[in-house]
């Protein structure tokens, strides 16, 4: 199956297809896709949209599988146990910052009622 293992130009790190990755991690392809949707793993994509996994991704998938099978942890507990993905953490933080800022502005606008000569702030 040498056609499923590719290397990125300029590096020696191999990339694996989803089938090869699932085989190496000891899980099925549907589980890998599910864990991607749950935010436990983030593969790189080719221009055509195919998932490509690194050896670090394979190791993370093995740990996820072990936590799910042996420790009986759900996706949220696995996420807490393994910690956030490197690129995903920055993306989530920037998204939350934008959401929080707009949420705070909207709450301030709803909670502050301007009355003559004073500001009345009801409890929200």
PDB file of N, CA and C in Angstrom:
ATOM      1  N   UNK A   1       0.822  -1.193   0.000  1.00  0.00           N
ATOM      2  CA  UNK A   1       0.000   0.000   0.000  1.00  0.00           C
ATOM      3  C   UNK A   1       0.861   1.250   0.000  1.00  0.00           C
ATOM      4  N   UNK A   2       1.832   1.300  -0.822  1.00  0.00           N
ATOM      5  CA  UNK A   2       2.704   2.455  -0.866  1.00  0.00           C
ATOM      6  C   UNK A   2       2.025   3.674  -1.463  1.00  0.00           C
ATOM      7  N   UNK A   3       0.921   3.473  -2.183  1.00  0.00           N
ATOM      8  CA  UNK A   3       0.253   4.624  -2.786  1.00  0.00           C
ATOM      9  C   UNK A   3      -0.534   5.423  -1.751  1.00  0.00           C
ATOM     10  N   UNK A   4      -0.791   4.877  -0.550  1.00  0.00           N
ATOM     11  CA  UNK A   4      -1.534   5.608   0.461  1.00  0.00           C
ATOM     12  C   UNK A   4      -0.621   6.443   1.342  1.00  0.00           C
ATOM     13  N   UNK A   5       0.696   6.196   1.270  1.00  0.00           N
ATOM     14  CA  UNK A   5       1.634   6.945   2.087  1.00  0.00           C
ATOM     15  C   UNK A   5       2.328   7.964   1.193  1.00  0.00           C
ATOM     16  N   UNK A   6       2.199   9.224   1.570  1.00  0.00           N
ATOM     17  CA  UNK A   6       2.814  10.301   0.801  1.00  0.00           C
ATOM     18  C   UNK A   6       3.645  11.150   1.737  1.00  0.00           C
ATOM     19  N   UNK A   7       4.560  11.892   1.186  1.00  0.00           N
ATOM     20  CA  UNK A   7       5.325  12.843   1.984  1.00  0.00           C
ATOM     21  C   UNK A   7       5.098  14.224   1.420  1.00  0.00           C
ATOM     22  N   UNK A   8       5.116  15.195   2.320  1.00  0.00           N
ATOM     23  CA  UNK A   8       4.962  16.582   1.896  1.00  0.00           C
ATOM     24  C   UNK A   8       6.280  17.051   1.302  1.00  0.00           C
ATOM     25  N   UNK A   9       6.237  17.823   0.227  1.00  0.00           N
ATOM     26  CA  UNK A   9       7.482  18.312  -0.371  1.00  0.00           C
ATOM     27  C   UNK A   9       8.318  19.087   0.645  1.00  0.00           C
ATOM     28  N   UNK A  10       9.596  18.772   0.717  1.00  0.00           N
ATOM     29  CA  UNK A  10      10.488  19.469   1.635  1.00  0.00           C
ATOM     30  C   UNK A  10      10.589  18.824   3.005  1.00  0.00           C
ATOM     31  N   UNK A  11       9.775  17.813   3.295  1.00  0.00           N
ATOM     32  CA  UNK A  11       9.844  17.129   4.585  1.00  0.00           C
ATOM     33  C   UNK A  11       9.933  15.631   4.345  1.00  0.00           C
ATOM     34  N   UNK A  12      10.319  14.931   5.366  1.00  0.00           N
ATOM     35  CA  UNK A  12      10.369  13.478   5.285  1.00  0.00           C
ATOM     36  C   UNK A  12       9.217  12.830   6.038  1.00  0.00           C
ATOM     37  N   UNK A  13       8.312  13.635   6.579  1.00  0.00           N
ATOM     38  CA  UNK A  13       7.205  13.096   7.364  1.00  0.00           C
ATOM     39  C   UNK A  13       6.142  12.490   6.442  1.00  0.00           C
ATOM     40  N   UNK A  14       5.783  11.235   6.683  1.00  0.00           N
ATOM     41  CA  UNK A  14       4.782  10.606   5.819  1.00  0.00           C
ATOM     42  C   UNK A  14       3.367  11.072   6.150  1.00  0.00           C
ATOM     43  N   UNK A  15       2.515  11.083   5.145  1.00  0.00           N
ATOM     44  CA  UNK A  15       1.096  11.348   5.303  1.00  0.00           C
ATOM     45  C   UNK A  15       0.347  10.084   4.913  1.00  0.00           C
ATOM     46  N   UNK A  16      -0.672   9.750   5.677  1.00  0.00           N
ATOM     47  CA  UNK A  16      -1.432   8.525   5.449  1.00  0.00           C
ATOM     48  C   UNK A  16      -2.862   8.867   5.050  1.00  0.00           C
ATOM     49  N   UNK A  17      -3.446   8.017   4.209  1.00  0.00           N
ATOM     50  CA  UNK A  17      -4.857   8.170   3.848  1.00  0.00           C
ATOM     51  C   UNK A  17      -5.708   7.736   5.039  1.00  0.00           C
ATOM     52  N   UNK A  18      -6.995   7.975   4.964  1.00  0.00           N
ATOM     53  CA  UNK A  18      -7.862   7.625   6.083  1.00  0.00           C
ATOM     54  C   UNK A  18      -7.914   6.116   6.306  1.00  0.00           C
ATOM     55  N   UNK A  19      -7.881   5.340   5.242  1.00  0.00           N
ATOM     56  CA  UNK A  19      -7.904   3.886   5.389  1.00  0.00           C
ATOM     57  C   UNK A  19      -6.658   3.353   6.064  1.00  0.00           C
ATOM     58  N   UNK A  20      -5.503   3.838   5.632  1.00  0.00           N
ATOM     59  CA  UNK A  20      -4.239   3.425   6.238  1.00  0.00           C
ATOM     60  C   UNK A  20      -4.149   3.904   7.685  1.00  0.00           C
ATOM     61  N   UNK A  21      -4.620   5.113   7.936  1.00  0.00           N
ATOM     62  CA  UNK A  21      -4.608   5.659   9.293  1.00  0.00           C
ATOM     63  C   UNK A  21      -5.481   4.824  10.219  1.00  0.00           C
ATOM     64  N   UNK A  22      -6.671   4.492   9.760  1.00  0.00           N
ATOM     65  CA  UNK A  22      -7.578   3.687  10.583  1.00  0.00           C
ATOM     66  C   UNK A  22      -6.956   2.328  10.887  1.00  0.00           C
ATOM     67  N   UNK A  23      -6.315   1.722   9.900  1.00  0.00           N
ATOM     68  CA  UNK A  23      -5.671   0.425  10.112  1.00  0.00           C
ATOM     69  C   UNK A  23      -4.543   0.535  11.130  1.00  0.00           C
ATOM     70  N   UNK A  24      -3.705   1.580  11.002  1.00  0.00           N
ATOM     71  CA  UNK A  24      -2.591   1.763  11.925  1.00  0.00           C
ATOM     72  C   UNK A  24      -3.060   2.062  13.349  1.00  0.00           C
ATOM     73  N   UNK A  25      -4.179   2.777  13.480  1.00  0.00           N
ATOM     74  CA  UNK A  25      -4.698   3.128  14.799  1.00  0.00           C
ATOM     75  C   UNK A  25      -5.565   2.034  15.406  1.00  0.00           C
ATOM     76  N   UNK A  26      -5.969   1.050  14.596  1.00  0.00           N
ATOM     77  CA  UNK A  26      -6.784  -0.045  15.108  1.00  0.00           C
ATOM     78  C   UNK A  26      -8.252   0.296  15.259  1.00  0.00           C
ATOM     79  N   UNK A  27      -8.735   1.214  14.449  1.00  0.00           N
ATOM     80  CA  UNK A  27     -10.150   1.607  14.474  1.00  0.00           C
ATOM     81  C   UNK A  27     -10.683   1.574  13.049  1.00  0.00           C
ATOM     82  N   UNK A  28     -11.987   1.785  12.892  1.00  0.00           N
ATOM     83  CA  UNK A  28     -12.510   1.825  11.530  1.00  0.00           C
ATOM     84  C   UNK A  28     -12.574   3.277  11.029  1.00  0.00           C
ATOM     85  N   UNK A  29     -12.777   3.411   9.736  1.00  0.00           N
ATOM     86  CA  UNK A  29     -12.770   4.735   9.119  1.00  0.00           C
ATOM     87  C   UNK A  29     -13.906   5.617   9.628  1.00  0.00           C
ATOM     88  N   UNK A  30     -15.039   5.013   9.911  1.00  0.00           N
ATOM     89  CA  UNK A  30     -16.182   5.789  10.413  1.00  0.00           C
ATOM     90  C   UNK A  30     -15.852   6.424  11.767  1.00  0.00           C
ATOM     91  N   UNK A  31     -15.120   5.707  12.609  1.00  0.00           N
ATOM     92  CA  UNK A  31     -14.728   6.265  13.909  1.00  0.00           C
ATOM     93  C   UNK A  31     -13.791   7.450  13.726  1.00  0.00           C
ATOM     94  N   UNK A  32     -12.870   7.349  12.778  1.00  0.00           N
ATOM     95  CA  UNK A  32     -11.951   8.455  12.510  1.00  0.00           C
ATOM     96  C   UNK A  32     -12.736   9.682  12.051  1.00  0.00           C
ATOM     97  N   UNK A  33     -13.697   9.485  11.157  1.00  0.00           N
ATOM     98  CA  UNK A  33     -14.523  10.615  10.683  1.00  0.00           C
ATOM     99  C   UNK A  33     -15.355  11.207  11.810  1.00  0.00           C
ATOM    100  N   UNK A  34     -15.911  10.338  12.658  1.00  0.00           N
ATOM    101  CA  UNK A  34     -16.705  10.801  13.794  1.00  0.00           C
ATOM    102  C   UNK A  34     -15.857  11.636  14.741  1.00  0.00           C
ATOM    103  N   UNK A  35     -14.679  11.154  15.058  1.00  0.00           N
ATOM    104  CA  UNK A  35     -13.808  11.889  15.974  1.00  0.00           C
ATOM    105  C   UNK A  35     -13.349  13.201  15.366  1.00  0.00           C
ATOM    106  N   UNK A  36     -13.266  13.255  14.053  1.00  0.00           N
ATOM    107  CA  UNK A  36     -12.961  14.531  13.401  1.00  0.00           C
ATOM    108  C   UNK A  36     -14.123  15.505  13.593  1.00  0.00           C
ATOM    109  N   UNK A  37     -15.353  15.015  13.384  1.00  0.00           N
ATOM    110  CA  UNK A  37     -16.534  15.875  13.582  1.00  0.00           C
ATOM    111  C   UNK A  37     -16.641  16.353  15.028  1.00  0.00           C
ATOM    112  N   UNK A  38     -16.225  15.513  15.972  1.00  0.00           N
ATOM    113  CA  UNK A  38     -16.283  15.874  17.389  1.00  0.00           C
ATOM    114  C   UNK A  38     -15.123  16.755  17.817  1.00  0.00           C
ATOM    115  N   UNK A  39     -14.206  17.041  16.911  1.00  0.00           N
ATOM    116  CA  UNK A  39     -13.101  17.945  17.204  1.00  0.00           C
ATOM    117  C   UNK A  39     -11.940  17.297  17.937  1.00  0.00           C
ATOM    118  N   UNK A  40     -11.855  15.975  17.920  1.00  0.00           N
ATOM    119  CA  UNK A  40     -10.764  15.288  18.607  1.00  0.00           C
ATOM    120  C   UNK A  40      -9.515  15.166  17.741  1.00  0.00           C
ATOM    121  N   UNK A  41      -9.687  15.260  16.444  1.00  0.00           N
ATOM    122  CA  UNK A  41      -8.573  15.131  15.508  1.00  0.00           C
ATOM    123  C   UNK A  41      -8.825  16.082  14.344  1.00  0.00           C
ATOM    124  N   UNK A  42      -7.763  16.606  13.761  1.00  0.00           N
ATOM    125  CA  UNK A  42      -7.915  17.484  12.608  1.00  0.00           C
ATOM    126  C   UNK A  42      -6.872  17.116  11.555  1.00  0.00           C
ATOM    127  N   UNK A  43      -7.289  16.383  10.531  1.00  0.00           N
ATOM    128  CA  UNK A  43      -6.336  16.009   9.494  1.00  0.00           C
ATOM    129  C   UNK A  43      -6.080  17.169   8.541  1.00  0.00           C
ATOM    130  N   UNK A  44      -4.983  17.063   7.833  1.00  0.00           N
ATOM    131  CA  UNK A  44      -4.744  18.018   6.758  1.00  0.00           C
ATOM    132  C   UNK A  44      -5.542  17.541   5.557  1.00  0.00           C
ATOM    133  N   UNK A  45      -5.800  18.440   4.633  1.00  0.00           N
ATOM    134  CA  UNK A  45      -6.572  18.096   3.440  1.00  0.00           C
ATOM    135  C   UNK A  45      -5.762  18.377   2.185  1.00  0.00           C
ATOM    136  N   UNK A  46      -5.990  17.535   1.183  1.00  0.00           N
ATOM    137  CA  UNK A  46      -5.386  17.795  -0.122  1.00  0.00           C
ATOM    138  C   UNK A  46      -6.246  18.831  -0.836  1.00  0.00           C
ATOM    139  N   UNK A  47      -5.801  19.291  -1.971  1.00  0.00           N
ATOM    140  CA  UNK A  47      -6.602  20.247  -2.743  1.00  0.00           C
ATOM    141  C   UNK A  47      -7.929  19.644  -3.154  1.00  0.00           C
ATOM    142  N   UNK A  48      -7.957  18.334  -3.334  1.00  0.00           N
ATOM    143  CA  UNK A  48      -9.188  17.642  -3.701  1.00  0.00           C
ATOM    144  C   UNK A  48     -10.095  17.355  -2.509  1.00  0.00           C
ATOM    145  N   UNK A  49      -9.639  17.672  -1.285  1.00  0.00           N
ATOM    146  CA  UNK A  49     -10.452  17.485  -0.095  1.00  0.00           C
ATOM    147  C   UNK A  49     -10.233  16.169   0.633  1.00  0.00           C
ATOM    148  N   UNK A  50      -9.267  15.362   0.183  1.00  0.00           N
ATOM    149  CA  UNK A  50      -8.988  14.094   0.849  1.00  0.00           C
ATOM    150  C   UNK A  50      -8.250  14.336   2.158  1.00  0.00           C
ATOM    151  N   UNK A  51      -8.591  13.549   3.167  1.00  0.00           N
ATOM    152  CA  UNK A  51      -7.935  13.653   4.462  1.00  0.00           C
ATOM    153  C   UNK A  51      -6.558  12.997   4.397  1.00  0.00           C
ATOM    154  N   UNK A  52      -5.575  13.668   4.987  1.00  0.00           N
ATOM    155  CA  UNK A  52      -4.226  13.120   5.077  1.00  0.00           C
ATOM    156  C   UNK A  52      -3.753  13.277   6.518  1.00  0.00           C
ATOM    157  N   UNK A  53      -3.273  12.180   7.100  1.00  0.00           N
ATOM    158  CA  UNK A  53      -2.901  12.148   8.509  1.00  0.00           C
ATOM    159  C   UNK A  53      -1.403  11.970   8.679  1.00  0.00           C
ATOM    160  N   UNK A  54      -0.849  12.600   9.713  1.00  0.00           N
ATOM    161  CA  UNK A  54       0.555  12.456  10.042  1.00  0.00           C
ATOM    162  C   UNK A  54       0.720  11.338  11.062  1.00  0.00           C
ATOM    163  N   UNK A  55       1.960  10.999  11.364  1.00  0.00           N
ATOM    164  CA  UNK A  55       2.208   9.980  12.386  1.00  0.00           C
ATOM    165  C   UNK A  55       1.751  10.459  13.765  1.00  0.00           C
ATOM    166  N   UNK A  56       1.791  11.773  14.027  1.00  0.00           N
ATOM    167  CA  UNK A  56       1.273  12.308  15.292  1.00  0.00           C
ATOM    168  C   UNK A  56      -0.239  12.131  15.371  1.00  0.00           C
ATOM    169  N   UNK A  57      -0.925  12.298  14.233  1.00  0.00           N
ATOM    170  CA  UNK A  57      -2.366  12.072  14.194  1.00  0.00           C
ATOM    171  C   UNK A  57      -2.692  10.614  14.497  1.00  0.00           C
ATOM    172  N   UNK A  58      -1.903   9.700  13.942  1.00  0.00           N
ATOM    173  CA  UNK A  58      -2.122   8.270  14.183  1.00  0.00           C
ATOM    174  C   UNK A  58      -1.942   7.959  15.664  1.00  0.00           C
ATOM    175  N   UNK A  59      -0.909   8.523  16.269  1.00  0.00           N
ATOM    176  CA  UNK A  59      -0.674   8.291  17.700  1.00  0.00           C
ATOM    177  C   UNK A  59      -1.820   8.871  18.537  1.00  0.00           C
ATOM    178  N   UNK A  60      -2.299  10.052  18.173  1.00  0.00           N
ATOM    179  CA  UNK A  60      -3.430  10.651  18.893  1.00  0.00           C
ATOM    180  C   UNK A  60      -4.678   9.782  18.744  1.00  0.00           C
ATOM    181  N   UNK A  61      -4.899   9.233  17.563  1.00  0.00           N
ATOM    182  CA  UNK A  61      -6.046   8.351  17.355  1.00  0.00           C
ATOM    183  C   UNK A  61      -5.938   7.090  18.206  1.00  0.00           C
ATOM    184  N   UNK A  62      -4.734   6.558  18.348  1.00  0.00           N
ATOM    185  CA  UNK A  62      -4.537   5.394  19.220  1.00  0.00           C
ATOM    186  C   UNK A  62      -4.892   5.724  20.662  1.00  0.00           C
ATOM    187  N   UNK A  63      -4.475   6.895  21.105  1.00  0.00           N
ATOM    188  CA  UNK A  63      -4.790   7.323  22.479  1.00  0.00           C
ATOM    189  C   UNK A  63      -6.287   7.540  22.644  1.00  0.00           C
ATOM    190  N   UNK A  64      -6.935   8.132  21.657  1.00  0.00           N
ATOM    191  CA  UNK A  64      -8.388   8.334  21.704  1.00  0.00           C
ATOM    192  C   UNK A  64      -9.090   6.988  21.787  1.00  0.00           C
ATOM    193  N   UNK A  65      -8.673   6.049  20.947  1.00  0.00           N
ATOM    194  CA  UNK A  65      -9.291   4.718  20.950  1.00  0.00           C
ATOM    195  C   UNK A  65      -9.118   4.049  22.299  1.00  0.00           C
ATOM    196  N   UNK A  66      -7.945   4.165  22.898  1.00  0.00           N
ATOM    197  CA  UNK A  66      -7.696   3.560  24.209  1.00  0.00           C
ATOM    198  C   UNK A  66      -8.580   4.204  25.269  1.00  0.00           C
ATOM    199  N   UNK A  67      -8.666   5.535  25.256  1.00  0.00           N
ATOM    200  CA  UNK A  67      -9.505   6.235  26.239  1.00  0.00           C
ATOM    201  C   UNK A  67     -10.976   5.860  26.076  1.00  0.00           C
ATOM    202  N   UNK A  68     -11.427   5.685  24.851  1.00  0.00           N
ATOM    203  CA  UNK A  68     -12.825   5.316  24.609  1.00  0.00           C
ATOM    204  C   UNK A  68     -13.099   3.878  25.030  1.00  0.00           C
ATOM    205  N   UNK A  69     -12.199   2.943  24.675  1.00  0.00           N
ATOM    206  CA  UNK A  69     -12.421   1.519  24.957  1.00  0.00           C
ATOM    207  C   UNK A  69     -12.170   1.150  26.409  1.00  0.00           C
ATOM    208  N   UNK A  70     -11.012   1.536  26.920  1.00  0.00           N
ATOM    209  CA  UNK A  70     -10.589   1.085  28.244  1.00  0.00           C
ATOM    210  C   UNK A  70     -11.144   1.978  29.346  1.00  0.00           C
ATOM    211  N   UNK A  71     -10.980   3.267  29.192  1.00  0.00           N
ATOM    212  CA  UNK A  71     -11.422   4.204  30.227  1.00  0.00           C
ATOM    213  C   UNK A  71     -12.901   4.573  30.103  1.00  0.00           C
ATOM    214  N   UNK A  72     -13.531   4.213  28.976  1.00  0.00           N
ATOM    215  CA  UNK A  72     -14.953   4.473  28.729  1.00  0.00           C
ATOM    216  C   UNK A  72     -15.284   5.969  28.791  1.00  0.00           C
ATOM    217  N   UNK A  73     -14.389   6.805  28.241  1.00  0.00           N
ATOM    218  CA  UNK A  73     -14.611   8.245  28.245  1.00  0.00           C
ATOM    219  C   UNK A  73     -15.386   8.675  27.012  1.00  0.00           C
ATOM    220  N   UNK A  74     -16.234   9.684  27.181  1.00  0.00           N
ATOM    221  CA  UNK A  74     -16.935  10.248  26.027  1.00  0.00           C
ATOM    222  C   UNK A  74     -16.047  11.299  25.362  1.00  0.00           C
ATOM    223  N   UNK A  75     -16.543  11.906  24.297  1.00  0.00           N
ATOM    224  CA  UNK A  75     -15.725  12.835  23.507  1.00  0.00           C
ATOM    225  C   UNK A  75     -15.265  14.037  24.334  1.00  0.00           C
ATOM    226  N   UNK A  76     -16.131  14.579  25.164  1.00  0.00           N
ATOM    227  CA  UNK A  76     -15.754  15.736  25.979  1.00  0.00           C
ATOM    228  C   UNK A  76     -14.653  15.373  26.974  1.00  0.00           C
ATOM    229  N   UNK A  77     -14.762  14.206  27.584  1.00  0.00           N
ATOM    230  CA  UNK A  77     -13.744  13.770  28.542  1.00  0.00           C
ATOM    231  C   UNK A  77     -12.426  13.472  27.836  1.00  0.00           C
ATOM    232  N   UNK A  78     -12.490  12.896  26.642  1.00  0.00           N
ATOM    233  CA  UNK A  78     -11.273  12.640  25.866  1.00  0.00           C
ATOM    234  C   UNK A  78     -10.604  13.957  25.515  1.00  0.00           C
ATOM    235  N   UNK A  79     -11.392  14.938  25.115  1.00  0.00           N
ATOM    236  CA  UNK A  79     -10.864  16.258  24.771  1.00  0.00           C
ATOM    237  C   UNK A  79     -10.157  16.883  25.972  1.00  0.00           C
ATOM    238  N   UNK A  80     -10.776  16.764  27.157  1.00  0.00           N
ATOM    239  CA  UNK A  80     -10.148  17.295  28.371  1.00  0.00           C
ATOM    240  C   UNK A  80      -8.857  16.544  28.688  1.00  0.00           C
ATOM    241  N   UNK A  81      -8.881  15.237  28.533  1.00  0.00           N
ATOM    242  CA  UNK A  81      -7.717  14.404  28.843  1.00  0.00           C
ATOM    243  C   UNK A  81      -6.541  14.689  27.917  1.00  0.00           C
ATOM    244  N   UNK A  82      -6.799  14.805  26.623  1.00  0.00           N
ATOM    245  CA  UNK A  82      -5.724  14.998  25.651  1.00  0.00           C
ATOM    246  C   UNK A  82      -5.348  16.454  25.453  1.00  0.00           C
ATOM    247  N   UNK A  83      -6.225  17.353  25.809  1.00  0.00           N
ATOM    248  CA  UNK A  83      -5.954  18.760  25.575  1.00  0.00           C
ATOM    249  C   UNK A  83      -6.364  19.151  24.166  1.00  0.00           C
ATOM    250  N   UNK A  84      -6.442  20.435  23.902  1.00  0.00           N
ATOM    251  CA  UNK A  84      -6.873  20.890  22.576  1.00  0.00           C
ATOM    252  C   UNK A  84      -5.810  20.639  21.522  1.00  0.00           C
ATOM    253  N   UNK A  85      -6.265  20.571  20.302  1.00  0.00           N
ATOM    254  CA  UNK A  85      -5.343  20.487  19.176  1.00  0.00           C
ATOM    255  C   UNK A  85      -4.639  21.825  19.049  1.00  0.00           C
ATOM    256  N   UNK A  86      -3.400  21.819  18.601  1.00  0.00           N
ATOM    257  CA  UNK A  86      -2.617  23.054  18.551  1.00  0.00           C
ATOM    258  C   UNK A  86      -3.272  24.131  17.705  1.00  0.00           C
ATOM    259  N   UNK A  87      -3.566  23.853  16.465  1.00  0.00           N
ATOM    260  CA  UNK A  87      -4.159  24.841  15.572  1.00  0.00           C
ATOM    261  C   UNK A  87      -5.589  25.149  15.941  1.00  0.00           C
ATOM    262  N   UNK A  88      -6.291  24.152  16.457  1.00  0.00           N
ATOM    263  CA  UNK A  88      -7.690  24.324  16.804  1.00  0.00           C
ATOM    264  C   UNK A  88      -7.863  25.248  17.992  1.00  0.00           C
ATOM    265  N   UNK A  89      -6.953  25.194  18.953  1.00  0.00           N
ATOM    266  CA  UNK A  89      -7.069  26.033  20.143  1.00  0.00           C
ATOM    267  C   UNK A  89      -7.030  27.510  19.771  1.00  0.00           C
ATOM    268  N   UNK A  90      -6.106  27.899  18.913  1.00  0.00           N
ATOM    269  CA  UNK A  90      -6.023  29.305  18.501  1.00  0.00           C
ATOM    270  C   UNK A  90      -7.264  29.724  17.732  1.00  0.00           C
ATOM    271  N   UNK A  91      -7.758  28.839  16.871  1.00  0.00           N
ATOM    272  CA  UNK A  91      -8.948  29.152  16.078  1.00  0.00           C
ATOM    273  C   UNK A  91     -10.174  29.328  16.977  1.00  0.00           C
ATOM    274  N   UNK A  92     -10.322  28.450  17.945  1.00  0.00           N
ATOM    275  CA  UNK A  92     -11.467  28.533  18.863  1.00  0.00           C
ATOM    276  C   UNK A  92     -11.377  29.790  19.701  1.00  0.00           C
ATOM    277  N   UNK A  93     -10.192  30.111  20.204  1.00  0.00           N
ATOM    278  CA  UNK A  93     -10.034  31.307  21.018  1.00  0.00           C
ATOM    279  C   UNK A  93     -10.370  32.573  20.239  1.00  0.00           C
ATOM    280  N   UNK A  94      -9.926  32.663  18.993  1.00  0.00           N
ATOM    281  CA  UNK A  94     -10.231  33.860  18.211  1.00  0.00           C
ATOM    282  C   UNK A  94     -11.722  33.941  17.888  1.00  0.00           C
ATOM    283  N   UNK A  95     -12.344  32.802  17.623  1.00  0.00           N
ATOM    284  CA  UNK A  95     -13.777  32.788  17.360  1.00  0.00           C
ATOM    285  C   UNK A  95     -14.557  33.192  18.596  1.00  0.00           C
ATOM    286  N   UNK A  96     -14.178  32.632  19.743  1.00  0.00           N
ATOM    287  CA  UNK A  96     -14.864  32.970  20.987  1.00  0.00           C
ATOM    288  C   UNK A  96     -14.684  34.437  21.342  1.00  0.00           C
ATOM    289  N   UNK A  97     -13.518  34.990  21.067  1.00  0.00           N
ATOM    290  CA  UNK A  97     -13.291  36.401  21.362  1.00  0.00           C
ATOM    291  C   UNK A  97     -14.258  37.267  20.572  1.00  0.00           C
ATOM    292  N   UNK A  98     -14.449  36.941  19.300  1.00  0.00           N
ATOM    293  CA  UNK A  98     -15.398  37.705  18.485  1.00  0.00           C
ATOM    294  C   UNK A  98     -16.826  37.532  18.948  1.00  0.00           C
ATOM    295  N   UNK A  99     -17.196  36.300  19.304  1.00  0.00           N
ATOM    296  CA  UNK A  99     -18.556  36.026  19.777  1.00  0.00           C
ATOM    297  C   UNK A  99     -18.797  36.719  21.104  1.00  0.00           C
ATOM    298  N   UNK A 100     -17.824  36.626  22.013  1.00  0.00           N
ATOM    299  CA  UNK A 100     -17.989  37.243  23.325  1.00  0.00           C
ATOM    300  C   UNK A 100     -18.112  38.754  23.217  1.00  0.00           C
ATOM    301  N   UNK A 101     -17.298  39.357  22.372  1.00  0.00           N
ATOM    302  CA  UNK A 101     -17.351  40.809  22.221  1.00  0.00           C
ATOM    303  C   UNK A 101     -18.714  41.245  21.695  1.00  0.00           C
ATOM    304  N   UNK A 102     -19.226  40.549  20.679  1.00  0.00           N
ATOM    305  CA  UNK A 102     -20.526  40.946  20.142  1.00  0.00           C
ATOM    306  C   UNK A 102     -21.636  40.626  21.135  1.00  0.00           C
ATOM    307  N   UNK A 103     -21.496  39.540  21.880  1.00  0.00           N
ATOM    308  CA  UNK A 103     -22.492  39.176  22.875  1.00  0.00           C
ATOM    309  C   UNK A 103     -22.537  40.197  24.003  1.00  0.00           C
ATOM    310  N   UNK A 104     -21.364  40.635  24.449  1.00  0.00           N
ATOM    311  CA  UNK A 104     -21.298  41.637  25.512  1.00  0.00           C
ATOM    312  C   UNK A 104     -21.904  42.938  25.037  1.00  0.00           C
ATOM    313  N   UNK A 105     -21.574  43.350  23.798  1.00  0.00           N
ATOM    314  CA  UNK A 105     -22.148  44.596  23.274  1.00  0.00           C
ATOM    315  C   UNK A 105     -23.669  44.521  23.230  1.00  0.00           C
ATOM    316  N   UNK A 106     -24.201  43.382  22.766  1.00  0.00           N
ATOM    317  CA  UNK A 106     -25.649  43.283  22.671  1.00  0.00           C
ATOM    318  C   UNK A 106     -26.302  43.278  24.051  1.00  0.00           C
ATOM    319  N   UNK A 107     -25.661  42.645  25.024  1.00  0.00           N
ATOM    320  CA  UNK A 107     -26.211  42.643  26.386  1.00  0.00           C
ATOM    321  C   UNK A 107     -26.171  44.034  26.994  1.00  0.00           C
ATOM    322  N   UNK A 108     -25.091  44.751  26.727  1.00  0.00           N
ATOM    323  CA  UNK A 108     -24.999  46.116  27.244  1.00  0.00           C
ATOM    324  C   UNK A 108     -26.093  46.975  26.632  1.00  0.00           C
ATOM    325  N   UNK A 109     -26.311  46.838  25.336  1.00  0.00           N
ATOM    326  CA  UNK A 109     -27.345  47.626  24.669  1.00  0.00           C
ATOM    327  C   UNK A 109     -28.725  47.293  25.219  1.00  0.00           C
ATOM    328  N   UNK A 110     -28.964  46.022  25.545  1.00  0.00           N
ATOM    329  CA  UNK A 110     -30.277  45.642  26.065  1.00  0.00           C
ATOM    330  C   UNK A 110     -30.458  46.048  27.524  1.00  0.00           C
ATOM    331  N   UNK A 111     -29.361  46.066  28.287  1.00  0.00           N
ATOM    332  CA  UNK A 111     -29.473  46.274  29.725  1.00  0.00           C
ATOM    333  C   UNK A 111     -29.375  47.727  30.157  1.00  0.00           C
ATOM    334  N   UNK A 112     -28.869  48.567  29.312  1.00  0.00           N
ATOM    335  CA  UNK A 112     -28.724  49.964  29.702  1.00  0.00           C
ATOM    336  C   UNK A 112     -29.857  50.757  29.068  1.00  0.00           C
ATOM    337  N   UNK A 113     -30.680  51.325  29.891  1.00  0.00           N
ATOM    338  CA  UNK A 113     -31.784  52.158  29.424  1.00  0.00           C
ATOM    339  C   UNK A 113     -31.472  53.597  29.817  1.00  0.00           C
ATOM    340  N   UNK A 114     -31.369  54.441  28.838  1.00  0.00           N
ATOM    341  CA  UNK A 114     -31.055  55.836  29.123  1.00  0.00           C
ATOM    342  C   UNK A 114     -32.327  56.584  29.494  1.00  0.00           C
ATOM    343  N   UNK A 115     -32.298  57.163  30.665  1.00  0.00           N
ATOM    344  CA  UNK A 115     -33.397  57.992  31.142  1.00  0.00           C
ATOM    345  C   UNK A 115     -32.870  59.410  31.335  1.00  0.00           C
ATOM    346  N   UNK A 116     -33.739  60.392  31.374  1.00  0.00           N
ATOM    347  CA  UNK A 116     -33.262  61.764  31.570  1.00  0.00           C
ATOM    348  C   UNK A 116     -32.440  61.894  32.853  1.00  0.00           C
ATOM    349  N   UNK A 117     -31.243  62.485  32.729  1.00  0.00           N
ATOM    350  CA  UNK A 117     -30.340  62.828  33.819  1.00  0.00           C
ATOM    351  C   UNK A 117     -29.721  61.646  34.564  1.00  0.00           C
ATOM    352  N   UNK A 118     -30.040  60.441  34.232  1.00  0.00           N
ATOM    353  CA  UNK A 118     -29.394  59.320  34.916  1.00  0.00           C
ATOM    354  C   UNK A 118     -29.446  58.081  34.023  1.00  0.00           C
ATOM    355  N   UNK A 119     -28.677  57.114  34.400  1.00  0.00           N
ATOM    356  CA  UNK A 119     -28.652  55.846  33.684  1.00  0.00           C
ATOM    357  C   UNK A 119     -29.243  54.781  34.610  1.00  0.00           C
ATOM    358  N   UNK A 120     -30.238  54.106  34.113  1.00  0.00           N
ATOM    359  CA  UNK A 120     -30.864  53.033  34.860  1.00  0.00           C
ATOM    360  C   UNK A 120     -30.375  51.714  34.306  1.00  0.00           C
ATOM    361  N   UNK A 121     -29.784  50.878  35.127  1.00  0.00           N
ATOM    362  CA  UNK A 121     -29.257  49.590  34.698  1.00  0.00           C
ATOM    363  C   UNK A 121     -30.038  48.453  35.371  1.00  0.00           C
ATOM    364  N   UNK A 122     -30.997  47.895  34.687  1.00  0.00           N
ATOM    365  CA  UNK A 122     -31.721  46.766  35.286  1.00  0.00           C
ATOM    366  C   UNK A 122     -30.840  45.523  35.306  1.00  0.00           C
ATOM    367  N   UNK A 123     -31.174  44.606  36.183  1.00  0.00           N
ATOM    368  CA  UNK A 123     -30.437  43.342  36.248  1.00  0.00           C
ATOM    369  C   UNK A 123     -30.806  42.485  35.066  1.00  0.00           C
ATOM    370  N   UNK A 124     -29.825  41.956  34.369  1.00  0.00           N
ATOM    371  CA  UNK A 124     -30.071  41.113  33.191  1.00  0.00           C
ATOM    372  C   UNK A 124     -29.999  39.663  33.549  1.00  0.00           C
TER     373      UNK A 124
END
